Amino acid sequence: MAGAAVAAFGFAGLASAQDAATTDTGAEDQAAQVLAWHEFHYPERGFVISFPGVTERPKAESTPVPGQNPLLQHEYKVEAGKDTVYSVVVFEYPEGRAPNPPSQDYFEKVVTAYAKGSDTDLRRKTPLKIDERPGYEAKAEDSKGKLNHLITMVANGDRVYMLISAGPNKHATSEDALRFRDSFRLLGGPPPPGQAKKDE
């Protein structure tokens, strides 16, 4: 289900970053613009995230996933300059329908579908924990090696979160990409797997 959801995702912002990376050849010669980061809370979607270069809380673009009704996806996106994009995509399942806990195969199918949809190749995939929840991380790049993606996923209750940052060469290991990833926090939801038993 999630693989189909990601395949249906438009990647409009990421496509614009890819276009900039291939056409704006003078970008690397320009001094890097320092953008202020601001933290934004989304209690209605159960997370906190920091975005650069904006002071107003980015609004979601919410759409049903074609062929996967009633699965919804909510995208929060910020374009930082001409060639860098930061995005949080929330897949919201009906109550009790989300994979809980999701398997590594689930995450791998999602990031593989993402790579196909964004015309990139996966370079590194690894399990990851966020707020003690099971997650996954992958790095990807386009065929010319000009655009790097850092993709991080975590599940919490009826929601699955996908953090995406895409930018010029080596962006996936940059300070800004890691800052974006590390700023993400979960709000509410069920306790981490195993914690309920531990607290009893």
N, C-alpha and C. Protein backbone atom coordinates (compact mmCIF):
# COMPACT_ATOMS: atom_id res chain seq x y z
N MET A 1 0.83 -1.21 0.00
CA MET A 1 0.00 0.00 0.00
C MET A 1 0.86 1.25 0.00
N ALA A 2 1.85 1.30 0.91
CA ALA A 2 2.67 2.50 1.00
C ALA A 2 3.52 2.69 -0.24
N GLY A 3 3.96 1.57 -0.83
CA GLY A 3 4.74 1.69 -2.05
C GLY A 3 3.96 2.37 -3.14
N ALA A 4 2.68 2.01 -3.26
CA ALA A 4 1.83 2.66 -4.25
C ALA A 4 1.62 4.11 -3.90
N ALA A 5 1.54 4.40 -2.60
CA ALA A 5 1.36 5.78 -2.17
C ALA A 5 2.53 6.63 -2.60
N VAL A 6 3.74 6.15 -2.37
CA VAL A 6 4.90 6.94 -2.72
C VAL A 6 5.05 7.06 -4.23
N ALA A 7 4.72 6.00 -4.95
CA ALA A 7 4.80 6.05 -6.41
C ALA A 7 3.86 7.11 -6.96
N ALA A 8 2.76 7.36 -6.24
CA ALA A 8 1.78 8.34 -6.70
C ALA A 8 2.16 9.76 -6.30
N PHE A 9 3.14 9.90 -5.40
CA PHE A 9 3.55 11.20 -4.90
C PHE A 9 4.18 12.02 -6.02
N GLY A 10 3.83 13.31 -6.11
CA GLY A 10 4.24 14.10 -7.26
C GLY A 10 5.69 14.54 -7.28
N PHE A 11 6.33 14.72 -6.11
CA PHE A 11 7.72 15.17 -6.01
C PHE A 11 7.95 16.49 -6.74
N ALA A 12 6.96 17.38 -6.75
CA ALA A 12 7.10 18.63 -7.50
C ALA A 12 8.26 19.46 -6.99
N GLY A 13 8.36 19.62 -5.66
CA GLY A 13 9.44 20.42 -5.12
C GLY A 13 10.79 19.81 -5.38
N LEU A 14 10.89 18.50 -5.29
CA LEU A 14 12.16 17.84 -5.51
C LEU A 14 12.55 17.91 -6.98
N ALA A 15 11.58 17.90 -7.85
CA ALA A 15 11.87 18.04 -9.27
C ALA A 15 12.44 19.41 -9.56
N SER A 16 11.92 20.43 -8.89
CA SER A 16 12.44 21.77 -9.12
C SER A 16 13.87 21.88 -8.64
N ALA A 17 14.20 21.19 -7.54
CA ALA A 17 15.57 21.18 -7.07
C ALA A 17 16.47 20.48 -8.08
N GLN A 18 15.98 19.42 -8.67
CA GLN A 18 16.76 18.67 -9.65
C GLN A 18 17.02 19.51 -10.89
N ASP A 19 16.02 20.26 -11.32
CA ASP A 19 16.19 21.14 -12.47
C ASP A 19 17.26 22.19 -12.20
N ALA A 20 17.21 22.76 -10.98
CA ALA A 20 18.17 23.79 -10.63
C ALA A 20 19.58 23.23 -10.59
N ALA A 21 19.71 22.01 -10.10
CA ALA A 21 21.04 21.41 -9.98
C ALA A 21 21.67 21.18 -11.35
N THR A 22 20.86 21.01 -12.37
CA THR A 22 21.40 20.71 -13.70
C THR A 22 21.53 21.96 -14.57
N THR A 23 20.82 23.04 -14.22
CA THR A 23 20.84 24.21 -15.09
C THR A 23 21.58 25.40 -14.48
N ASP A 24 21.60 25.52 -13.16
CA ASP A 24 22.23 26.67 -12.52
C ASP A 24 23.70 26.34 -12.25
N THR A 25 24.53 26.39 -13.28
CA THR A 25 25.91 25.95 -13.15
C THR A 25 26.76 26.90 -12.32
N GLY A 26 26.29 28.13 -12.14
CA GLY A 26 27.07 29.08 -11.36
C GLY A 26 26.76 29.06 -9.89
N ALA A 27 25.85 28.19 -9.48
CA ALA A 27 25.42 28.18 -8.08
C ALA A 27 26.57 27.86 -7.14
N GLU A 28 27.47 26.97 -7.55
CA GLU A 28 28.55 26.57 -6.66
C GLU A 28 29.54 27.70 -6.43
N ASP A 29 29.57 28.69 -7.33
CA ASP A 29 30.50 29.80 -7.20
C ASP A 29 29.96 30.91 -6.31
N GLN A 30 28.67 30.82 -5.97
CA GLN A 30 28.06 31.84 -5.15
C GLN A 30 28.30 31.53 -3.68
N ALA A 31 28.43 32.57 -2.87
CA ALA A 31 28.58 32.36 -1.44
C ALA A 31 27.30 31.76 -0.89
N ALA A 32 27.46 30.79 -0.02
CA ALA A 32 26.29 30.12 0.55
C ALA A 32 25.49 31.10 1.40
N GLN A 33 24.21 31.13 1.17
CA GLN A 33 23.34 32.03 1.92
C GLN A 33 22.96 31.36 3.24
N VAL A 34 23.18 32.08 4.33
CA VAL A 34 22.85 31.54 5.64
C VAL A 34 21.38 31.80 5.92
N LEU A 35 20.62 30.75 6.10
CA LEU A 35 19.19 30.87 6.36
C LEU A 35 18.90 30.56 7.82
N ALA A 36 18.04 31.37 8.43
CA ALA A 36 17.65 31.12 9.82
C ALA A 36 16.66 29.96 9.87
N TRP A 37 16.83 29.11 10.88
CA TRP A 37 15.94 27.97 11.07
C TRP A 37 14.90 28.30 12.13
N HIS A 38 13.68 27.83 11.92
CA HIS A 38 12.60 28.03 12.88
C HIS A 38 11.86 26.72 13.11
N GLU A 39 11.48 26.51 14.36
CA GLU A 39 10.78 25.28 14.73
C GLU A 39 9.27 25.48 14.60
N PHE A 40 8.60 24.48 14.05
CA PHE A 40 7.16 24.53 13.86
C PHE A 40 6.51 23.28 14.45
N HIS A 41 5.39 23.50 15.14
CA HIS A 41 4.67 22.40 15.78
C HIS A 41 3.41 22.08 14.98
N TYR A 42 3.18 20.80 14.78
CA TYR A 42 1.99 20.31 14.07
C TYR A 42 1.29 19.27 14.94
N PRO A 43 0.64 19.71 16.02
CA PRO A 43 -0.02 18.75 16.91
C PRO A 43 -1.11 17.95 16.20
N GLU A 44 -1.73 18.54 15.17
CA GLU A 44 -2.78 17.84 14.44
C GLU A 44 -2.22 16.67 13.62
N ARG A 45 -0.92 16.68 13.37
CA ARG A 45 -0.28 15.58 12.64
C ARG A 45 0.75 14.85 13.50
N GLY A 46 0.93 15.30 14.73
CA GLY A 46 1.75 14.56 15.68
C GLY A 46 3.26 14.72 15.53
N PHE A 47 3.72 15.93 15.11
CA PHE A 47 5.18 16.08 14.99
C PHE A 47 5.62 17.53 15.13
N VAL A 48 6.93 17.69 15.34
CA VAL A 48 7.61 18.98 15.38
C VAL A 48 8.76 18.90 14.38
N ILE A 49 9.01 19.99 13.65
CA ILE A 49 10.10 20.00 12.67
C ILE A 49 10.63 21.43 12.54
N SER A 50 11.89 21.57 12.16
CA SER A 50 12.46 22.88 11.87
C SER A 50 12.72 23.00 10.37
N PHE A 51 12.34 24.16 9.83
CA PHE A 51 12.60 24.47 8.42
C PHE A 51 13.47 25.72 8.32
N PRO A 52 14.32 25.82 7.30
CA PRO A 52 15.13 27.02 7.12
C PRO A 52 14.44 28.04 6.22
N GLY A 53 14.71 29.32 6.51
CA GLY A 53 14.31 30.37 5.57
C GLY A 53 12.86 30.79 5.59
N VAL A 54 12.07 30.28 6.54
CA VAL A 54 10.66 30.67 6.63
C VAL A 54 10.33 31.00 8.08
N THR A 55 9.41 31.95 8.26
CA THR A 55 8.99 32.32 9.61
C THR A 55 7.54 31.94 9.87
N GLU A 56 6.77 31.72 8.80
CA GLU A 56 5.39 31.28 8.96
C GLU A 56 5.31 29.77 8.80
N ARG A 57 4.45 29.16 9.57
CA ARG A 57 4.32 27.70 9.56
C ARG A 57 3.87 27.22 8.19
N PRO A 58 4.68 26.40 7.51
CA PRO A 58 4.25 25.87 6.20
C PRO A 58 2.96 25.08 6.32
N LYS A 59 2.09 25.28 5.35
CA LYS A 59 0.81 24.57 5.34
C LYS A 59 0.93 23.27 4.55
N ALA A 60 0.05 22.35 4.89
CA ALA A 60 0.08 21.04 4.23
C ALA A 60 -0.67 21.06 2.91
N GLU A 61 -0.15 20.30 1.98
CA GLU A 61 -0.90 19.95 0.79
C GLU A 61 -1.41 18.54 1.02
N SER A 62 -2.70 18.40 1.26
CA SER A 62 -3.28 17.11 1.64
C SER A 62 -4.07 16.51 0.49
N THR A 63 -3.77 15.26 0.18
CA THR A 63 -4.44 14.59 -0.93
C THR A 63 -4.68 13.13 -0.60
N PRO A 64 -5.77 12.56 -1.11
CA PRO A 64 -5.93 11.11 -1.00
C PRO A 64 -4.95 10.43 -1.93
N VAL A 65 -4.51 9.25 -1.55
CA VAL A 65 -3.58 8.50 -2.39
C VAL A 65 -4.37 7.72 -3.43
N PRO A 66 -4.15 7.98 -4.72
CA PRO A 66 -4.91 7.29 -5.77
C PRO A 66 -4.86 5.78 -5.63
N GLY A 67 -6.04 5.18 -5.64
CA GLY A 67 -6.12 3.73 -5.55
C GLY A 67 -5.92 3.17 -4.16
N GLN A 68 -5.72 4.06 -3.16
CA GLN A 68 -5.45 3.59 -1.80
C GLN A 68 -6.42 4.21 -0.80
N ASN A 69 -7.57 4.66 -1.24
CA ASN A 69 -8.57 5.25 -0.36
C ASN A 69 -8.89 4.27 0.79
N PRO A 70 -8.94 4.74 2.04
CA PRO A 70 -8.91 6.13 2.50
C PRO A 70 -7.54 6.59 3.01
N LEU A 71 -6.43 6.07 2.49
CA LEU A 71 -5.11 6.53 2.89
C LEU A 71 -4.89 7.96 2.39
N LEU A 72 -4.43 8.84 3.29
CA LEU A 72 -4.17 10.23 2.95
C LEU A 72 -2.69 10.53 3.08
N GLN A 73 -2.21 11.50 2.31
CA GLN A 73 -0.84 11.98 2.49
C GLN A 73 -0.87 13.50 2.63
N HIS A 74 -0.08 13.99 3.58
CA HIS A 74 0.01 15.42 3.86
C HIS A 74 1.47 15.82 3.67
N GLU A 75 1.72 16.77 2.80
CA GLU A 75 3.09 17.20 2.53
C GLU A 75 3.33 18.63 3.01
N TYR A 76 4.41 18.82 3.77
CA TYR A 76 4.85 20.12 4.24
C TYR A 76 6.21 20.37 3.60
N LYS A 77 6.32 21.39 2.77
CA LYS A 77 7.52 21.55 1.94
C LYS A 77 8.04 22.98 1.97
N VAL A 78 9.36 23.11 2.01
CA VAL A 78 10.03 24.41 1.94
C VAL A 78 11.16 24.31 0.93
N GLU A 79 11.21 25.26 0.00
CA GLU A 79 12.32 25.34 -0.95
C GLU A 79 13.30 26.38 -0.43
N ALA A 80 14.53 25.94 -0.15
CA ALA A 80 15.56 26.82 0.39
C ALA A 80 16.54 27.17 -0.73
N GLY A 81 16.35 28.31 -1.34
CA GLY A 81 17.19 28.67 -2.48
C GLY A 81 16.72 27.97 -3.74
N LYS A 82 17.61 27.92 -4.73
CA LYS A 82 17.23 27.40 -6.05
C LYS A 82 17.34 25.88 -6.16
N ASP A 83 18.13 25.26 -5.29
CA ASP A 83 18.44 23.86 -5.54
C ASP A 83 18.32 22.96 -4.31
N THR A 84 17.62 23.41 -3.28
CA THR A 84 17.49 22.60 -2.07
C THR A 84 16.04 22.61 -1.60
N VAL A 85 15.55 21.44 -1.25
CA VAL A 85 14.16 21.28 -0.82
C VAL A 85 14.12 20.44 0.45
N TYR A 86 13.28 20.87 1.40
CA TYR A 86 13.04 20.11 2.63
C TYR A 86 11.55 19.78 2.68
N SER A 87 11.23 18.54 3.00
CA SER A 87 9.83 18.12 2.97
C SER A 87 9.55 17.08 4.04
N VAL A 88 8.37 17.19 4.64
CA VAL A 88 7.85 16.14 5.52
C VAL A 88 6.56 15.63 4.88
N VAL A 89 6.49 14.34 4.65
CA VAL A 89 5.28 13.72 4.12
C VAL A 89 4.71 12.81 5.20
N VAL A 90 3.45 13.01 5.53
CA VAL A 90 2.77 12.18 6.53
C VAL A 90 1.75 11.31 5.82
N PHE A 91 1.92 10.00 5.92
CA PHE A 91 0.92 9.05 5.43
C PHE A 91 0.00 8.72 6.60
N GLU A 92 -1.27 9.07 6.46
CA GLU A 92 -2.23 8.90 7.56
C GLU A 92 -3.21 7.79 7.22
N TYR A 93 -3.13 6.72 8.00
CA TYR A 93 -3.98 5.55 7.78
C TYR A 93 -5.24 5.65 8.62
N PRO A 94 -6.31 4.96 8.22
CA PRO A 94 -7.48 4.83 9.09
C PRO A 94 -7.05 4.13 10.39
N GLU A 95 -7.79 4.39 11.45
CA GLU A 95 -7.42 3.85 12.76
C GLU A 95 -7.24 2.34 12.70
N GLY A 96 -6.09 1.89 13.19
CA GLY A 96 -5.81 0.47 13.26
C GLY A 96 -5.35 -0.17 11.97
N ARG A 97 -5.19 0.62 10.90
CA ARG A 97 -4.83 0.04 9.59
C ARG A 97 -3.34 0.20 9.25
N ALA A 98 -2.63 1.01 9.99
CA ALA A 98 -1.21 1.22 9.69
C ALA A 98 -0.39 0.01 10.13
N PRO A 99 0.73 -0.26 9.48
CA PRO A 99 1.61 -1.34 9.94
C PRO A 99 2.17 -0.99 11.31
N ASN A 100 1.96 -1.82 12.30
CA ASN A 100 2.34 -1.46 13.66
C ASN A 100 2.79 -2.68 14.45
N PRO A 101 4.12 -2.80 14.68
CA PRO A 101 5.17 -1.93 14.11
C PRO A 101 5.48 -2.34 12.68
N PRO A 102 5.95 -1.39 11.88
CA PRO A 102 6.27 -1.73 10.49
C PRO A 102 7.55 -2.55 10.41
N SER A 103 7.64 -3.39 9.41
CA SER A 103 8.84 -4.20 9.21
C SER A 103 9.86 -3.41 8.39
N GLN A 104 11.09 -3.87 8.40
CA GLN A 104 12.11 -3.23 7.57
C GLN A 104 11.76 -3.37 6.09
N ASP A 105 11.11 -4.47 5.73
CA ASP A 105 10.68 -4.65 4.34
C ASP A 105 9.71 -3.55 3.92
N TYR A 106 8.84 -3.16 4.85
CA TYR A 106 7.88 -2.08 4.57
C TYR A 106 8.62 -0.79 4.22
N PHE A 107 9.57 -0.41 5.09
CA PHE A 107 10.32 0.82 4.85
C PHE A 107 11.11 0.73 3.54
N GLU A 108 11.70 -0.43 3.29
CA GLU A 108 12.51 -0.57 2.09
C GLU A 108 11.66 -0.43 0.83
N LYS A 109 10.44 -0.96 0.86
CA LYS A 109 9.55 -0.81 -0.29
C LYS A 109 9.20 0.65 -0.53
N VAL A 110 9.00 1.39 0.57
CA VAL A 110 8.64 2.81 0.43
C VAL A 110 9.80 3.61 -0.17
N VAL A 111 11.02 3.44 0.37
CA VAL A 111 12.14 4.23 -0.15
C VAL A 111 12.50 3.80 -1.57
N THR A 112 12.31 2.53 -1.88
CA THR A 112 12.55 2.08 -3.25
C THR A 112 11.56 2.73 -4.22
N ALA A 113 10.30 2.81 -3.80
CA ALA A 113 9.29 3.49 -4.62
C ALA A 113 9.61 4.97 -4.76
N TYR A 114 10.11 5.58 -3.67
CA TYR A 114 10.51 6.99 -3.72
C TYR A 114 11.63 7.19 -4.74
N ALA A 115 12.63 6.31 -4.70
CA ALA A 115 13.76 6.43 -5.63
C ALA A 115 13.27 6.32 -7.08
N LYS A 116 12.35 5.42 -7.31
CA LYS A 116 11.80 5.26 -8.66
C LYS A 116 11.05 6.51 -9.08
N GLY A 117 10.22 7.05 -8.16
CA GLY A 117 9.43 8.23 -8.48
C GLY A 117 10.26 9.48 -8.67
N SER A 118 11.42 9.57 -8.01
CA SER A 118 12.26 10.76 -8.12
C SER A 118 13.43 10.54 -9.08
N ASP A 119 13.45 9.39 -9.75
CA ASP A 119 14.49 9.07 -10.74
C ASP A 119 15.88 9.15 -10.13
N THR A 120 16.04 8.50 -8.98
CA THR A 120 17.33 8.47 -8.30
C THR A 120 17.71 7.02 -8.00
N ASP A 121 18.97 6.83 -7.65
CA ASP A 121 19.48 5.52 -7.26
C ASP A 121 19.81 5.52 -5.78
N LEU A 122 19.37 4.48 -5.07
CA LEU A 122 19.67 4.36 -3.65
C LEU A 122 21.13 3.98 -3.47
N ARG A 123 21.82 4.69 -2.58
CA ARG A 123 23.23 4.43 -2.33
C ARG A 123 23.48 3.79 -0.97
N ARG A 124 22.60 4.03 -0.03
CA ARG A 124 22.82 3.50 1.31
C ARG A 124 21.48 3.39 2.01
N LYS A 125 21.24 2.26 2.68
CA LYS A 125 20.01 2.04 3.42
C LYS A 125 20.36 1.43 4.77
N THR A 126 19.71 1.92 5.82
CA THR A 126 20.04 1.40 7.14
C THR A 126 18.86 1.57 8.10
N PRO A 127 18.63 0.62 9.00
CA PRO A 127 17.61 0.80 10.05
C PRO A 127 18.01 1.95 10.97
N LEU A 128 17.02 2.61 11.53
CA LEU A 128 17.27 3.77 12.39
C LEU A 128 16.14 3.89 13.39
N LYS A 129 16.45 4.36 14.61
CA LYS A 129 15.40 4.61 15.60
C LYS A 129 15.25 6.11 15.81
N ILE A 130 14.00 6.56 15.87
CA ILE A 130 13.68 7.95 16.18
C ILE A 130 12.69 7.96 17.32
N ASP A 131 13.03 8.63 18.41
CA ASP A 131 12.18 8.62 19.61
C ASP A 131 11.81 7.19 20.01
N GLU A 132 12.78 6.30 19.90
CA GLU A 132 12.60 4.89 20.26
C GLU A 132 11.61 4.15 19.37
N ARG A 133 11.22 4.77 18.28
CA ARG A 133 10.33 4.09 17.32
C ARG A 133 11.16 3.52 16.17
N PRO A 134 10.70 2.41 15.59
CA PRO A 134 11.44 1.84 14.47
C PRO A 134 11.39 2.75 13.25
N GLY A 135 12.52 2.88 12.60
CA GLY A 135 12.59 3.73 11.42
C GLY A 135 13.61 3.23 10.42
N TYR A 136 13.91 4.09 9.47
CA TYR A 136 14.75 3.67 8.35
C TYR A 136 15.34 4.93 7.71
N GLU A 137 16.54 4.79 7.16
CA GLU A 137 17.15 5.93 6.48
C GLU A 137 17.84 5.47 5.21
N ALA A 138 17.80 6.30 4.20
CA ALA A 138 18.44 5.98 2.93
C ALA A 138 19.01 7.25 2.31
N LYS A 139 20.06 7.07 1.53
CA LYS A 139 20.63 8.15 0.74
C LYS A 139 20.46 7.79 -0.73
N ALA A 140 20.18 8.80 -1.54
CA ALA A 140 19.98 8.56 -2.97
C ALA A 140 20.58 9.71 -3.75
N GLU A 141 20.87 9.46 -5.02
CA GLU A 141 21.37 10.53 -5.88
C GLU A 141 20.92 10.30 -7.31
N ASP A 142 20.89 11.39 -8.08
CA ASP A 142 20.50 11.26 -9.47
C ASP A 142 21.63 10.65 -10.29
N SER A 143 21.34 10.30 -11.52
CA SER A 143 22.31 9.58 -12.35
C SER A 143 23.57 10.40 -12.64
N LYS A 144 23.46 11.73 -12.57
CA LYS A 144 24.62 12.58 -12.84
C LYS A 144 25.40 12.92 -11.58
N GLY A 145 24.89 12.48 -10.42
CA GLY A 145 25.58 12.75 -9.17
C GLY A 145 25.52 14.20 -8.74
N LYS A 146 24.56 14.96 -9.28
CA LYS A 146 24.46 16.38 -8.96
C LYS A 146 23.45 16.68 -7.86
N LEU A 147 22.56 15.75 -7.58
CA LEU A 147 21.52 15.99 -6.58
C LEU A 147 21.48 14.82 -5.60
N ASN A 148 21.65 15.12 -4.33
CA ASN A 148 21.64 14.13 -3.26
C ASN A 148 20.35 14.22 -2.47
N HIS A 149 19.85 13.08 -2.02
CA HIS A 149 18.65 13.01 -1.19
C HIS A 149 18.96 12.27 0.10
N LEU A 150 18.46 12.79 1.21
CA LEU A 150 18.47 12.06 2.47
C LEU A 150 17.02 11.78 2.83
N ILE A 151 16.68 10.50 2.95
CA ILE A 151 15.30 10.08 3.22
C ILE A 151 15.26 9.35 4.55
N THR A 152 14.42 9.83 5.46
CA THR A 152 14.30 9.22 6.78
C THR A 152 12.84 8.90 7.04
N MET A 153 12.57 7.71 7.57
CA MET A 153 11.19 7.30 7.83
C MET A 153 11.04 6.81 9.26
N VAL A 154 9.87 7.08 9.84
CA VAL A 154 9.54 6.57 11.16
C VAL A 154 8.02 6.43 11.24
N ALA A 155 7.57 5.45 12.01
CA ALA A 155 6.13 5.21 12.17
C ALA A 155 5.73 5.50 13.60
N ASN A 156 4.50 5.97 13.77
CA ASN A 156 3.96 6.23 15.10
C ASN A 156 2.44 6.11 15.05
N GLY A 157 1.92 5.03 15.61
CA GLY A 157 0.48 4.84 15.60
C GLY A 157 -0.06 4.66 14.19
N ASP A 158 -1.05 5.50 13.84
CA ASP A 158 -1.68 5.40 12.52
C ASP A 158 -1.00 6.26 11.47
N ARG A 159 0.18 6.77 11.78
CA ARG A 159 0.89 7.63 10.83
C ARG A 159 2.30 7.09 10.54
N VAL A 160 2.71 7.28 9.30
CA VAL A 160 4.08 7.00 8.89
C VAL A 160 4.65 8.30 8.33
N TYR A 161 5.81 8.70 8.83
CA TYR A 161 6.43 9.96 8.45
C TYR A 161 7.63 9.71 7.54
N MET A 162 7.75 10.53 6.51
CA MET A 162 8.91 10.48 5.63
C MET A 162 9.51 11.87 5.53
N LEU A 163 10.75 12.02 6.00
CA LEU A 163 11.48 13.28 5.91
C LEU A 163 12.38 13.21 4.69
N ILE A 164 12.32 14.23 3.87
CA ILE A 164 13.11 14.25 2.64
C ILE A 164 13.84 15.59 2.55
N SER A 165 15.15 15.54 2.36
CA SER A 165 15.87 16.75 1.99
C SER A 165 16.70 16.42 0.76
N ALA A 166 16.66 17.32 -0.21
CA ALA A 166 17.37 17.11 -1.47
C ALA A 166 18.12 18.38 -1.83
N GLY A 167 19.36 18.20 -2.25
CA GLY A 167 20.17 19.36 -2.59
C GLY A 167 21.38 18.96 -3.41
N PRO A 168 22.32 19.90 -3.59
CA PRO A 168 23.48 19.65 -4.44
C PRO A 168 24.35 18.50 -3.93
N ASN A 169 25.38 18.19 -4.70
CA ASN A 169 26.29 17.10 -4.38
C ASN A 169 26.74 17.13 -2.92
N LYS A 170 26.67 15.98 -2.26
CA LYS A 170 27.05 15.78 -0.85
C LYS A 170 26.04 16.37 0.12
N HIS A 171 24.88 16.79 -0.37
CA HIS A 171 23.87 17.35 0.53
C HIS A 171 23.44 16.36 1.60
N ALA A 172 23.32 15.08 1.24
CA ALA A 172 22.80 14.08 2.17
C ALA A 172 23.62 13.95 3.44
N THR A 173 24.89 14.32 3.39
CA THR A 173 25.73 14.26 4.59
C THR A 173 26.06 15.65 5.13
N SER A 174 25.37 16.66 4.63
CA SER A 174 25.66 18.04 5.03
C SER A 174 25.09 18.36 6.41
N GLU A 175 25.60 19.42 7.00
CA GLU A 175 25.12 19.86 8.31
C GLU A 175 23.64 20.22 8.26
N ASP A 176 23.20 20.86 7.18
CA ASP A 176 21.80 21.26 7.08
C ASP A 176 20.86 20.06 6.95
N ALA A 177 21.25 19.07 6.16
CA ALA A 177 20.41 17.87 6.01
C ALA A 177 20.26 17.15 7.34
N LEU A 178 21.36 17.04 8.09
CA LEU A 178 21.31 16.37 9.38
C LEU A 178 20.55 17.21 10.41
N ARG A 179 20.68 18.52 10.31
CA ARG A 179 19.93 19.40 11.22
C ARG A 179 18.44 19.24 11.00
N PHE A 180 18.03 19.19 9.74
CA PHE A 180 16.62 18.99 9.42
C PHE A 180 16.13 17.66 10.00
N ARG A 181 16.86 16.60 9.73
CA ARG A 181 16.47 15.28 10.24
C ARG A 181 16.39 15.27 11.77
N ASP A 182 17.41 15.81 12.42
CA ASP A 182 17.49 15.73 13.87
C ASP A 182 16.51 16.65 14.58
N SER A 183 15.94 17.62 13.85
CA SER A 183 14.96 18.52 14.46
C SER A 183 13.59 17.87 14.60
N PHE A 184 13.38 16.75 13.92
CA PHE A 184 12.07 16.09 13.92
C PHE A 184 11.82 15.43 15.27
N ARG A 185 10.64 15.68 15.83
CA ARG A 185 10.21 15.02 17.06
C ARG A 185 8.75 14.61 16.92
N LEU A 186 8.40 13.53 17.59
CA LEU A 186 7.02 13.06 17.59
C LEU A 186 6.25 13.67 18.74
N LEU A 187 4.97 13.91 18.51
CA LEU A 187 4.07 14.41 19.54
C LEU A 187 2.95 13.41 19.75
N GLY A 188 2.81 12.90 20.97
CA GLY A 188 1.70 12.00 21.27
C GLY A 188 1.85 10.66 20.59
N GLY A 189 0.71 10.00 20.42
CA GLY A 189 0.72 8.67 19.83
C GLY A 189 0.97 7.60 20.88
N PRO A 190 0.98 6.35 20.48
CA PRO A 190 1.19 5.26 21.43
C PRO A 190 2.63 5.25 21.94
N PRO A 191 2.88 4.57 23.07
CA PRO A 191 4.26 4.47 23.57
C PRO A 191 5.11 3.66 22.61
N PRO A 192 6.43 3.84 22.67
CA PRO A 192 7.31 3.05 21.81
C PRO A 192 7.12 1.56 22.04
N PRO A 193 7.35 0.72 21.03
CA PRO A 193 7.21 -0.72 21.20
C PRO A 193 8.04 -1.23 22.37
N GLY A 194 7.40 -2.01 23.23
CA GLY A 194 8.10 -2.58 24.37
C GLY A 194 8.04 -1.73 25.62
N GLN A 195 7.75 -0.42 25.50
CA GLN A 195 7.76 0.44 26.68
C GLN A 195 6.59 0.14 27.60
N ALA A 196 5.41 -0.14 27.01
CA ALA A 196 4.23 -0.41 27.83
C ALA A 196 4.48 -1.61 28.74
N LYS A 197 5.09 -2.67 28.19
CA LYS A 197 5.38 -3.84 29.01
C LYS A 197 6.40 -3.51 30.08
N LYS A 198 7.39 -2.65 29.72
CA LYS A 198 8.43 -2.29 30.66
C LYS A 198 7.86 -1.50 31.83
N ASP A 199 6.83 -0.66 31.55
CA ASP A 199 6.25 0.19 32.60
C ASP A 199 5.27 -0.55 33.49
N GLU A 200 4.82 -1.73 33.08
CA GLU A 200 3.83 -2.46 33.87
C GLU A 200 4.46 -3.04 35.13
